[in-house]
Amino acid sequence: MPPRLGPNGYEEDEDDDLLEQGRRRARRVIDGFFDFAFQGNVLEIAFGLILASMFTAVVTSLVSDILLPPLSVLLPLNRNLEEKFAVLQPGPNRNATAGYNTLKQAQDDGAVVMAYGYFLNRLLNFTGVGFSLYGLASLYQCFSKDPIIKHMVKCRYCRKRISDKCQRCTNCTSWQDGREDRG
C-alpha cells in the first residue's frame, strides 16, 4: 500500500491518522450530547422539575412549620402532630408507668409503633401541594391562552371521559350535540 500524503505534501503518520479519528469520534459524541441536552424540551423538563422540588419544599414547610403547630394547640394533642403514635407492641425497655415520650424513643427501644401523626402530616403536605399547584395552574390559565386544566365530561353514549369542548367523542365517534337522538 503506498504511503498517504497529507495536505502539506508529506507522508502522514498512521498514529496521527488514528488520533485524528479518535478526536472526530469524541467530538461527535460531545456535540450529540450538547444537541440533546440543550434542546427546548429537555431544558423545560429540567426547569420544571427544579421548580417543582422547590415549590414542594416551600409548601411542606408551610404545612409543617406554620399550619400544624396552631392545629396542635387548638386540638388537645399535647404535642406536635408529627409526634403522635400508637404503641402496638412495646419494646423490652419500656417504662411501665411513663411509657414512651417520643416516637424516636419508642423506635429506638424496638417497639412496634403506628406513627399516624407522621402519616397525617404527609397527607396534609400532599393536599397542600395539590391545592397550591391547582391554584397556580388556574392563575396561569387566567393569563395564558394555553389551557393546563382540561375540563372533562362523560360521553352520553359510551360514558368515557372526553373534553367538554369536543363535538364528537374520540372513543365511539358519536356527536355530542344529540344528532343520533333526532334520527
N, C-alpha and C. Protein backbone atom coordinates (compact mmCIF):
# COMPACT_ATOMS: atom_id res chain seq x y z
N MET A 1 0.85 -1.16 0.00
CA MET A 1 0.00 0.00 0.00
C MET A 1 0.90 1.23 0.00
N PRO A 2 0.65 2.15 -0.92
CA PRO A 2 1.52 3.33 -1.00
C PRO A 2 1.27 4.26 0.19
N PRO A 3 2.26 5.01 0.60
CA PRO A 3 2.08 5.94 1.73
C PRO A 3 1.10 7.04 1.38
N ARG A 4 0.34 7.46 2.38
CA ARG A 4 -0.65 8.53 2.18
C ARG A 4 0.04 9.87 2.35
N LEU A 5 -0.32 10.79 1.50
CA LEU A 5 0.24 12.12 1.59
C LEU A 5 -0.77 13.03 2.25
N GLY A 6 -0.30 13.83 3.21
CA GLY A 6 -1.16 14.76 3.90
C GLY A 6 -1.37 16.02 3.09
N PRO A 7 -2.08 17.02 3.65
CA PRO A 7 -2.34 18.26 2.92
C PRO A 7 -1.08 19.07 2.63
N ASN A 8 -0.03 18.86 3.41
CA ASN A 8 1.20 19.60 3.17
C ASN A 8 2.14 18.88 2.21
N GLY A 9 1.74 17.74 1.67
CA GLY A 9 2.54 17.02 0.69
C GLY A 9 3.46 16.00 1.28
N TYR A 10 3.55 15.91 2.59
CA TYR A 10 4.40 14.94 3.25
C TYR A 10 3.60 13.70 3.61
N GLU A 11 4.32 12.64 3.86
CA GLU A 11 3.68 11.38 4.22
C GLU A 11 3.06 11.48 5.63
N GLU A 12 1.79 11.06 5.76
CA GLU A 12 1.10 11.09 7.06
C GLU A 12 1.50 9.88 7.88
N ASP A 13 1.61 10.08 9.15
CA ASP A 13 1.90 9.00 10.05
C ASP A 13 0.60 8.30 10.42
N GLU A 14 0.64 7.00 10.55
CA GLU A 14 -0.56 6.23 10.87
C GLU A 14 -1.09 6.56 12.26
N ASP A 15 -0.21 6.86 13.20
CA ASP A 15 -0.63 7.22 14.55
C ASP A 15 -1.41 8.53 14.54
N ASP A 16 -0.96 9.49 13.73
CA ASP A 16 -1.67 10.76 13.62
C ASP A 16 -3.07 10.55 13.06
N ASP A 17 -3.20 9.64 12.11
CA ASP A 17 -4.49 9.35 11.50
C ASP A 17 -5.44 8.75 12.52
N LEU A 18 -4.97 7.80 13.33
CA LEU A 18 -5.81 7.20 14.37
C LEU A 18 -6.19 8.21 15.43
N LEU A 19 -5.24 9.08 15.78
CA LEU A 19 -5.52 10.12 16.77
C LEU A 19 -6.58 11.08 16.25
N GLU A 20 -6.50 11.43 14.99
CA GLU A 20 -7.49 12.33 14.40
C GLU A 20 -8.87 11.66 14.34
N GLN A 21 -8.93 10.38 14.04
CA GLN A 21 -10.20 9.65 14.04
C GLN A 21 -10.80 9.64 15.44
N GLY A 22 -9.98 9.41 16.45
CA GLY A 22 -10.46 9.43 17.83
C GLY A 22 -11.00 10.79 18.22
N ARG A 23 -10.31 11.85 17.80
CA ARG A 23 -10.79 13.21 18.09
C ARG A 23 -12.14 13.46 17.44
N ARG A 24 -12.27 13.04 16.17
CA ARG A 24 -13.55 13.25 15.46
C ARG A 24 -14.68 12.50 16.15
N ARG A 25 -14.42 11.27 16.56
CA ARG A 25 -15.46 10.49 17.24
C ARG A 25 -15.84 11.12 18.57
N ALA A 26 -14.83 11.53 19.33
CA ALA A 26 -15.12 12.18 20.62
C ALA A 26 -15.88 13.47 20.40
N ARG A 27 -15.52 14.23 19.39
CA ARG A 27 -16.21 15.49 19.11
C ARG A 27 -17.66 15.23 18.72
N ARG A 28 -17.87 14.15 17.93
CA ARG A 28 -19.23 13.81 17.52
C ARG A 28 -20.09 13.43 18.71
N VAL A 29 -19.52 12.68 19.67
CA VAL A 29 -20.26 12.30 20.88
C VAL A 29 -20.57 13.54 21.72
N ILE A 30 -19.59 14.41 21.89
CA ILE A 30 -19.80 15.63 22.69
C ILE A 30 -20.84 16.53 22.03
N ASP A 31 -20.73 16.71 20.71
CA ASP A 31 -21.71 17.54 20.01
C ASP A 31 -23.11 16.94 20.08
N GLY A 32 -23.20 15.62 19.98
CA GLY A 32 -24.50 14.96 20.10
C GLY A 32 -25.10 15.15 21.48
N PHE A 33 -24.25 15.06 22.51
CA PHE A 33 -24.74 15.28 23.87
C PHE A 33 -25.27 16.70 24.04
N PHE A 34 -24.51 17.69 23.55
CA PHE A 34 -24.96 19.07 23.68
C PHE A 34 -26.23 19.33 22.88
N ASP A 35 -26.34 18.72 21.71
CA ASP A 35 -27.59 18.86 20.93
C ASP A 35 -28.78 18.31 21.71
N PHE A 36 -28.56 17.17 22.36
CA PHE A 36 -29.64 16.56 23.15
C PHE A 36 -29.93 17.37 24.41
N ALA A 37 -28.89 17.72 25.16
CA ALA A 37 -29.06 18.35 26.47
C ALA A 37 -29.65 19.75 26.38
N PHE A 38 -29.39 20.45 25.30
CA PHE A 38 -29.87 21.82 25.22
C PHE A 38 -31.04 21.98 24.26
N GLN A 39 -31.74 20.90 23.98
CA GLN A 39 -32.99 21.01 23.25
C GLN A 39 -34.00 21.70 24.12
N GLY A 40 -34.99 22.31 23.51
CA GLY A 40 -36.00 23.04 24.27
C GLY A 40 -36.75 22.16 25.26
N ASN A 41 -37.16 20.97 24.87
CA ASN A 41 -37.97 20.12 25.74
C ASN A 41 -37.20 19.65 26.96
N VAL A 42 -35.95 19.26 26.79
CA VAL A 42 -35.16 18.76 27.91
C VAL A 42 -34.93 19.87 28.93
N LEU A 43 -34.62 21.07 28.44
CA LEU A 43 -34.42 22.19 29.36
C LEU A 43 -35.71 22.56 30.08
N GLU A 44 -36.84 22.51 29.38
CA GLU A 44 -38.12 22.81 30.02
C GLU A 44 -38.44 21.79 31.11
N ILE A 45 -38.18 20.52 30.85
CA ILE A 45 -38.44 19.48 31.84
C ILE A 45 -37.54 19.67 33.06
N ALA A 46 -36.26 19.93 32.82
CA ALA A 46 -35.33 20.13 33.93
C ALA A 46 -35.73 21.35 34.75
N PHE A 47 -36.09 22.43 34.09
CA PHE A 47 -36.52 23.64 34.79
C PHE A 47 -37.79 23.36 35.59
N GLY A 48 -38.72 22.63 35.01
CA GLY A 48 -39.96 22.29 35.71
C GLY A 48 -39.71 21.42 36.93
N LEU A 49 -38.81 20.45 36.82
CA LEU A 49 -38.51 19.58 37.96
C LEU A 49 -37.85 20.35 39.10
N ILE A 50 -36.96 21.26 38.76
CA ILE A 50 -36.31 22.07 39.79
C ILE A 50 -37.33 22.95 40.48
N LEU A 51 -38.18 23.61 39.71
CA LEU A 51 -39.22 24.45 40.30
C LEU A 51 -40.18 23.62 41.15
N ALA A 52 -40.55 22.44 40.68
CA ALA A 52 -41.48 21.60 41.44
C ALA A 52 -40.87 21.17 42.77
N SER A 53 -39.59 20.83 42.79
CA SER A 53 -38.98 20.42 44.06
C SER A 53 -38.89 21.60 45.02
N MET A 54 -38.58 22.77 44.52
CA MET A 54 -38.52 23.95 45.39
C MET A 54 -39.92 24.32 45.90
N PHE A 55 -40.91 24.22 45.04
CA PHE A 55 -42.29 24.53 45.43
C PHE A 55 -42.78 23.54 46.48
N THR A 56 -42.46 22.28 46.30
CA THR A 56 -42.84 21.26 47.28
C THR A 56 -42.20 21.53 48.63
N ALA A 57 -40.93 21.94 48.63
CA ALA A 57 -40.25 22.24 49.89
C ALA A 57 -40.91 23.42 50.60
N VAL A 58 -41.32 24.43 49.83
CA VAL A 58 -41.97 25.60 50.44
C VAL A 58 -43.32 25.21 51.03
N VAL A 59 -44.12 24.44 50.30
CA VAL A 59 -45.43 24.04 50.81
C VAL A 59 -45.29 23.10 52.00
N THR A 60 -44.31 22.20 51.97
CA THR A 60 -44.06 21.31 53.11
C THR A 60 -43.71 22.11 54.35
N SER A 61 -42.87 23.12 54.18
CA SER A 61 -42.52 23.98 55.31
C SER A 61 -43.74 24.75 55.80
N LEU A 62 -44.56 25.20 54.88
CA LEU A 62 -45.78 25.92 55.27
C LEU A 62 -46.67 25.03 56.13
N VAL A 63 -46.88 23.81 55.69
CA VAL A 63 -47.76 22.90 56.43
C VAL A 63 -47.13 22.51 57.76
N SER A 64 -45.86 22.09 57.75
CA SER A 64 -45.22 21.59 58.96
C SER A 64 -44.91 22.68 59.98
N ASP A 65 -44.47 23.85 59.50
CA ASP A 65 -43.99 24.88 60.42
C ASP A 65 -45.02 25.96 60.73
N ILE A 66 -46.00 26.17 59.88
CA ILE A 66 -46.96 27.25 60.08
C ILE A 66 -48.35 26.72 60.43
N LEU A 67 -48.85 25.74 59.69
CA LEU A 67 -50.23 25.30 59.89
C LEU A 67 -50.39 24.27 61.01
N LEU A 68 -49.49 23.31 61.12
CA LEU A 68 -49.66 22.24 62.10
C LEU A 68 -49.43 22.65 63.56
N PRO A 69 -48.48 23.52 63.88
CA PRO A 69 -48.34 23.90 65.29
C PRO A 69 -49.59 24.56 65.89
N PRO A 70 -50.25 25.51 65.24
CA PRO A 70 -51.51 26.02 65.81
C PRO A 70 -52.59 24.95 65.90
N LEU A 71 -52.60 24.04 64.94
CA LEU A 71 -53.58 22.94 64.98
C LEU A 71 -53.32 22.05 66.19
N SER A 72 -52.06 21.84 66.53
CA SER A 72 -51.72 21.04 67.71
C SER A 72 -52.15 21.74 69.00
N VAL A 73 -52.13 23.08 69.01
CA VAL A 73 -52.55 23.83 70.19
C VAL A 73 -54.08 23.84 70.30
N LEU A 74 -54.76 24.02 69.17
CA LEU A 74 -56.23 24.09 69.18
C LEU A 74 -56.86 22.75 69.56
N LEU A 75 -56.33 21.69 68.98
CA LEU A 75 -56.84 20.35 69.31
C LEU A 75 -56.08 19.85 70.53
N PRO A 76 -56.68 19.05 71.36
CA PRO A 76 -55.96 18.56 72.55
C PRO A 76 -54.96 17.46 72.21
N LEU A 77 -53.89 17.84 71.50
CA LEU A 77 -52.90 16.85 71.08
C LEU A 77 -51.74 16.73 72.06
N ASN A 78 -51.44 17.78 72.84
CA ASN A 78 -50.37 17.82 73.82
C ASN A 78 -48.98 17.72 73.22
N ARG A 79 -48.83 17.64 71.91
CA ARG A 79 -47.53 17.64 71.23
C ARG A 79 -47.78 17.87 69.75
N ASN A 80 -46.71 18.01 69.00
CA ASN A 80 -46.85 18.20 67.56
C ASN A 80 -47.55 16.99 66.93
N LEU A 81 -48.26 17.25 65.87
CA LEU A 81 -49.00 16.18 65.19
C LEU A 81 -48.05 15.10 64.69
N GLU A 82 -46.84 15.50 64.27
CA GLU A 82 -45.87 14.53 63.78
C GLU A 82 -45.45 13.53 64.84
N GLU A 83 -45.55 13.90 66.10
CA GLU A 83 -45.10 13.05 67.21
C GLU A 83 -46.20 12.13 67.75
N LYS A 84 -47.37 12.15 67.15
CA LYS A 84 -48.45 11.27 67.62
C LYS A 84 -48.21 9.86 67.09
N PHE A 85 -48.34 8.89 67.99
CA PHE A 85 -48.13 7.49 67.61
C PHE A 85 -48.88 6.60 68.58
N ALA A 86 -49.06 5.37 68.15
CA ALA A 86 -49.69 4.36 68.99
C ALA A 86 -48.74 3.17 69.08
N VAL A 87 -48.52 2.68 70.30
CA VAL A 87 -47.63 1.54 70.50
C VAL A 87 -48.45 0.27 70.32
N LEU A 88 -48.09 -0.52 69.33
CA LEU A 88 -48.79 -1.78 69.08
C LEU A 88 -48.18 -2.93 69.89
N GLN A 89 -46.86 -2.89 70.02
CA GLN A 89 -46.16 -3.88 70.83
C GLN A 89 -44.96 -3.19 71.48
N PRO A 90 -44.93 -3.13 72.82
CA PRO A 90 -43.84 -2.40 73.48
C PRO A 90 -42.50 -3.11 73.32
N GLY A 91 -41.44 -2.31 73.42
CA GLY A 91 -40.08 -2.83 73.36
C GLY A 91 -39.66 -3.41 74.70
N PRO A 92 -38.48 -3.99 74.80
CA PRO A 92 -38.03 -4.64 76.04
C PRO A 92 -37.74 -3.67 77.19
N ASN A 93 -37.41 -2.41 76.89
CA ASN A 93 -37.02 -1.47 77.95
C ASN A 93 -38.10 -0.44 78.25
N ARG A 94 -39.34 -0.76 77.99
CA ARG A 94 -40.42 0.21 78.18
C ARG A 94 -40.67 0.42 79.67
N ASN A 95 -40.83 1.71 80.03
CA ASN A 95 -41.17 2.08 81.39
C ASN A 95 -42.67 1.85 81.55
N ALA A 96 -43.07 1.03 82.47
CA ALA A 96 -44.48 0.65 82.62
C ALA A 96 -45.35 1.82 83.05
N THR A 97 -44.81 2.76 83.81
CA THR A 97 -45.63 3.88 84.30
C THR A 97 -45.66 5.05 83.33
N ALA A 98 -44.53 5.38 82.72
CA ALA A 98 -44.47 6.57 81.87
C ALA A 98 -44.66 6.25 80.40
N GLY A 99 -44.33 5.05 79.96
CA GLY A 99 -44.43 4.72 78.54
C GLY A 99 -43.33 5.39 77.74
N TYR A 100 -43.61 5.71 76.51
CA TYR A 100 -42.65 6.38 75.64
C TYR A 100 -43.07 7.84 75.49
N ASN A 101 -42.13 8.74 75.57
CA ASN A 101 -42.43 10.16 75.42
C ASN A 101 -42.40 10.61 73.97
N THR A 102 -41.53 10.03 73.18
CA THR A 102 -41.41 10.43 71.78
C THR A 102 -41.44 9.21 70.87
N LEU A 103 -41.71 9.46 69.62
CA LEU A 103 -41.73 8.41 68.61
C LEU A 103 -40.33 7.81 68.45
N LYS A 104 -39.32 8.64 68.43
CA LYS A 104 -37.94 8.16 68.29
C LYS A 104 -37.55 7.27 69.47
N GLN A 105 -37.97 7.64 70.66
CA GLN A 105 -37.66 6.83 71.83
C GLN A 105 -38.28 5.44 71.70
N ALA A 106 -39.51 5.37 71.24
CA ALA A 106 -40.18 4.08 71.06
C ALA A 106 -39.51 3.25 69.97
N GLN A 107 -39.14 3.90 68.88
CA GLN A 107 -38.50 3.17 67.80
C GLN A 107 -37.10 2.70 68.19
N ASP A 108 -36.38 3.52 68.96
CA ASP A 108 -35.05 3.10 69.42
C ASP A 108 -35.13 1.91 70.37
N ASP A 109 -36.23 1.80 71.12
CA ASP A 109 -36.41 0.69 72.05
C ASP A 109 -36.84 -0.58 71.32
N GLY A 110 -37.20 -0.47 70.06
CA GLY A 110 -37.61 -1.64 69.29
C GLY A 110 -39.10 -1.91 69.36
N ALA A 111 -39.87 -0.93 69.80
CA ALA A 111 -41.32 -1.10 69.88
C ALA A 111 -41.93 -1.04 68.48
N VAL A 112 -43.02 -1.77 68.31
CA VAL A 112 -43.77 -1.71 67.06
C VAL A 112 -44.78 -0.58 67.23
N VAL A 113 -44.61 0.46 66.40
CA VAL A 113 -45.46 1.65 66.55
C VAL A 113 -46.18 1.95 65.25
N MET A 114 -47.35 2.54 65.39
CA MET A 114 -48.10 3.06 64.24
C MET A 114 -48.01 4.58 64.34
N ALA A 115 -47.21 5.18 63.46
CA ALA A 115 -46.96 6.62 63.50
C ALA A 115 -48.02 7.34 62.69
N TYR A 116 -49.23 7.40 63.21
CA TYR A 116 -50.33 8.02 62.47
C TYR A 116 -50.17 9.53 62.36
N GLY A 117 -49.48 10.17 63.28
CA GLY A 117 -49.24 11.61 63.19
C GLY A 117 -48.35 11.95 62.01
N TYR A 118 -47.33 11.15 61.80
CA TYR A 118 -46.44 11.35 60.67
C TYR A 118 -47.20 11.16 59.35
N PHE A 119 -48.07 10.15 59.32
CA PHE A 119 -48.88 9.92 58.13
C PHE A 119 -49.82 11.09 57.88
N LEU A 120 -50.48 11.59 58.91
CA LEU A 120 -51.38 12.73 58.74
C LEU A 120 -50.61 13.97 58.28
N ASN A 121 -49.40 14.14 58.78
CA ASN A 121 -48.57 15.25 58.33
C ASN A 121 -48.29 15.14 56.84
N ARG A 122 -47.90 13.96 56.39
CA ARG A 122 -47.63 13.75 54.96
C ARG A 122 -48.89 13.93 54.13
N LEU A 123 -50.02 13.49 54.64
CA LEU A 123 -51.29 13.64 53.93
C LEU A 123 -51.64 15.12 53.79
N LEU A 124 -51.44 15.90 54.84
CA LEU A 124 -51.70 17.34 54.77
C LEU A 124 -50.71 18.02 53.82
N ASN A 125 -49.46 17.58 53.82
CA ASN A 125 -48.49 18.12 52.86
C ASN A 125 -48.92 17.85 51.43
N PHE A 126 -49.33 16.63 51.16
CA PHE A 126 -49.78 16.26 49.81
C PHE A 126 -50.98 17.10 49.39
N THR A 127 -51.94 17.24 50.30
CA THR A 127 -53.13 18.04 49.99
C THR A 127 -52.75 19.50 49.76
N GLY A 128 -51.84 20.02 50.58
CA GLY A 128 -51.40 21.40 50.40
C GLY A 128 -50.70 21.62 49.07
N VAL A 129 -49.82 20.70 48.70
CA VAL A 129 -49.13 20.81 47.42
C VAL A 129 -50.14 20.71 46.27
N GLY A 130 -51.09 19.79 46.38
CA GLY A 130 -52.08 19.63 45.32
C GLY A 130 -52.93 20.88 45.12
N PHE A 131 -53.45 21.44 46.21
CA PHE A 131 -54.27 22.65 46.08
C PHE A 131 -53.43 23.84 45.61
N SER A 132 -52.19 23.92 46.06
CA SER A 132 -51.33 25.02 45.63
C SER A 132 -51.03 24.92 44.13
N LEU A 133 -50.73 23.72 43.66
CA LEU A 133 -50.48 23.55 42.23
C LEU A 133 -51.74 23.83 41.40
N TYR A 134 -52.90 23.43 41.90
CA TYR A 134 -54.14 23.73 41.20
C TYR A 134 -54.36 25.25 41.14
N GLY A 135 -54.06 25.94 42.24
CA GLY A 135 -54.19 27.40 42.25
C GLY A 135 -53.24 28.06 41.27
N LEU A 136 -52.00 27.57 41.21
CA LEU A 136 -51.04 28.12 40.24
C LEU A 136 -51.47 27.84 38.81
N ALA A 137 -51.99 26.65 38.55
CA ALA A 137 -52.46 26.32 37.20
C ALA A 137 -53.65 27.20 36.82
N SER A 138 -54.55 27.45 37.77
CA SER A 138 -55.70 28.33 37.49
C SER A 138 -55.24 29.75 37.22
N LEU A 139 -54.28 30.22 38.00
CA LEU A 139 -53.74 31.56 37.80
C LEU A 139 -53.04 31.67 36.45
N TYR A 140 -52.28 30.66 36.09
CA TYR A 140 -51.60 30.65 34.79
C TYR A 140 -52.63 30.66 33.66
N GLN A 141 -53.70 29.91 33.83
CA GLN A 141 -54.71 29.80 32.79
C GLN A 141 -55.45 31.12 32.60
N CYS A 142 -55.55 31.93 33.65
CA CYS A 142 -56.19 33.24 33.51
C CYS A 142 -55.39 34.18 32.62
N PHE A 143 -54.06 34.05 32.64
CA PHE A 143 -53.20 34.96 31.89
C PHE A 143 -52.70 34.38 30.58
N SER A 144 -53.00 33.14 30.29
CA SER A 144 -52.48 32.49 29.10
C SER A 144 -53.63 31.87 28.31
N LYS A 145 -53.40 31.69 27.04
CA LYS A 145 -54.41 31.02 26.21
C LYS A 145 -54.20 29.51 26.19
N ASP A 146 -53.07 29.06 26.72
CA ASP A 146 -52.74 27.64 26.75
C ASP A 146 -53.39 27.00 27.97
N PRO A 147 -54.38 26.12 27.79
CA PRO A 147 -55.04 25.53 28.96
C PRO A 147 -54.20 24.44 29.61
N ILE A 148 -54.06 24.53 30.93
CA ILE A 148 -53.40 23.47 31.69
C ILE A 148 -54.46 22.55 32.27
N ILE A 149 -55.52 23.13 32.78
CA ILE A 149 -56.61 22.37 33.38
C ILE A 149 -57.61 22.06 32.26
N LYS A 150 -57.74 20.81 31.94
CA LYS A 150 -58.65 20.40 30.87
C LYS A 150 -59.92 19.84 31.51
N HIS A 151 -61.02 20.53 31.30
CA HIS A 151 -62.29 20.11 31.89
C HIS A 151 -62.87 18.97 31.06
N MET A 152 -63.33 17.94 31.75
CA MET A 152 -63.81 16.73 31.08
C MET A 152 -65.27 16.47 31.43
N VAL A 153 -65.98 15.84 30.51
CA VAL A 153 -67.35 15.38 30.73
C VAL A 153 -67.44 13.94 30.24
N LYS A 154 -68.50 13.25 30.61
CA LYS A 154 -68.69 11.88 30.13
C LYS A 154 -69.51 11.91 28.85
N CYS A 155 -69.10 11.09 27.89
CA CYS A 155 -69.87 10.94 26.65
C CYS A 155 -71.21 10.33 27.00
N ARG A 156 -72.27 10.84 26.41
CA ARG A 156 -73.60 10.34 26.75
C ARG A 156 -73.89 8.94 26.20
N TYR A 157 -73.03 8.46 25.30
CA TYR A 157 -73.27 7.14 24.70
C TYR A 157 -72.33 6.07 25.27
N CYS A 158 -71.03 6.34 25.26
CA CYS A 158 -70.09 5.31 25.73
C CYS A 158 -69.64 5.55 27.17
N ARG A 159 -69.97 6.69 27.76
CA ARG A 159 -69.69 7.05 29.15
C ARG A 159 -68.20 7.19 29.47
N LYS A 160 -67.35 7.35 28.43
CA LYS A 160 -65.93 7.60 28.65
C LYS A 160 -65.73 9.11 28.78
N ARG A 161 -64.66 9.50 29.47
CA ARG A 161 -64.40 10.93 29.71
C ARG A 161 -63.75 11.56 28.48
N ILE A 162 -64.33 12.69 28.05
CA ILE A 162 -63.83 13.43 26.90
C ILE A 162 -63.79 14.91 27.25
N SER A 163 -63.11 15.69 26.44
CA SER A 163 -63.03 17.13 26.66
C SER A 163 -64.42 17.75 26.53
N ASP A 164 -64.69 18.76 27.35
CA ASP A 164 -66.01 19.39 27.28
C ASP A 164 -66.16 20.25 26.04
N LYS A 165 -65.08 20.50 25.28
CA LYS A 165 -65.15 21.34 24.08
C LYS A 165 -65.30 20.53 22.80
N CYS A 166 -65.16 19.21 22.86
CA CYS A 166 -65.22 18.44 21.63
C CYS A 166 -66.66 18.25 21.17
N GLN A 167 -66.82 18.14 19.86
CA GLN A 167 -68.15 17.94 19.29
C GLN A 167 -68.45 16.47 19.07
N ARG A 168 -67.39 15.66 18.90
CA ARG A 168 -67.56 14.22 18.73
C ARG A 168 -66.70 13.50 19.75
N CYS A 169 -67.20 12.36 20.18
CA CYS A 169 -66.45 11.53 21.13
C CYS A 169 -65.28 10.88 20.40
N THR A 170 -64.11 10.93 21.00
CA THR A 170 -62.94 10.32 20.37
C THR A 170 -62.94 8.80 20.51
N ASN A 171 -63.79 8.26 21.38
CA ASN A 171 -63.83 6.81 21.59
C ASN A 171 -64.89 6.14 20.72
N CYS A 172 -66.12 6.65 20.73
CA CYS A 172 -67.20 6.00 19.98
C CYS A 172 -67.64 6.82 18.77
N THR A 173 -67.05 7.97 18.53
CA THR A 173 -67.30 8.88 17.40
C THR A 173 -68.74 9.38 17.32
N SER A 174 -69.49 9.36 18.41
CA SER A 174 -70.85 9.89 18.37
C SER A 174 -70.82 11.40 18.54
N TRP A 175 -71.80 12.06 17.93
CA TRP A 175 -71.90 13.51 18.05
C TRP A 175 -72.43 13.86 19.44
N GLN A 176 -71.89 14.90 20.02
CA GLN A 176 -72.27 15.27 21.37
C GLN A 176 -73.42 16.27 21.41
N ASP A 177 -73.84 16.75 20.23
CA ASP A 177 -74.97 17.70 20.20
C ASP A 177 -76.32 17.01 20.05
N GLY A 178 -76.34 15.67 20.07
CA GLY A 178 -77.60 14.94 20.05
C GLY A 178 -78.09 14.55 18.67
N ARG A 179 -77.28 14.58 17.64
CA ARG A 179 -77.72 14.23 16.28
C ARG A 179 -78.20 12.79 16.18
N GLU A 180 -77.60 11.89 16.96
CA GLU A 180 -78.03 10.50 16.92
C GLU A 180 -79.43 10.32 17.49
N ASP A 181 -79.85 11.18 18.40
CA ASP A 181 -81.16 11.06 19.01
C ASP A 181 -82.27 11.57 18.11
N ARG A 182 -81.99 12.45 17.16
CA ARG A 182 -83.02 13.06 16.30
C ARG A 182 -83.51 12.11 15.24
N GLY A 183 -82.68 11.18 14.82
CA GLY A 183 -82.96 10.33 13.67
C GLY A 183 -84.02 9.37 13.87
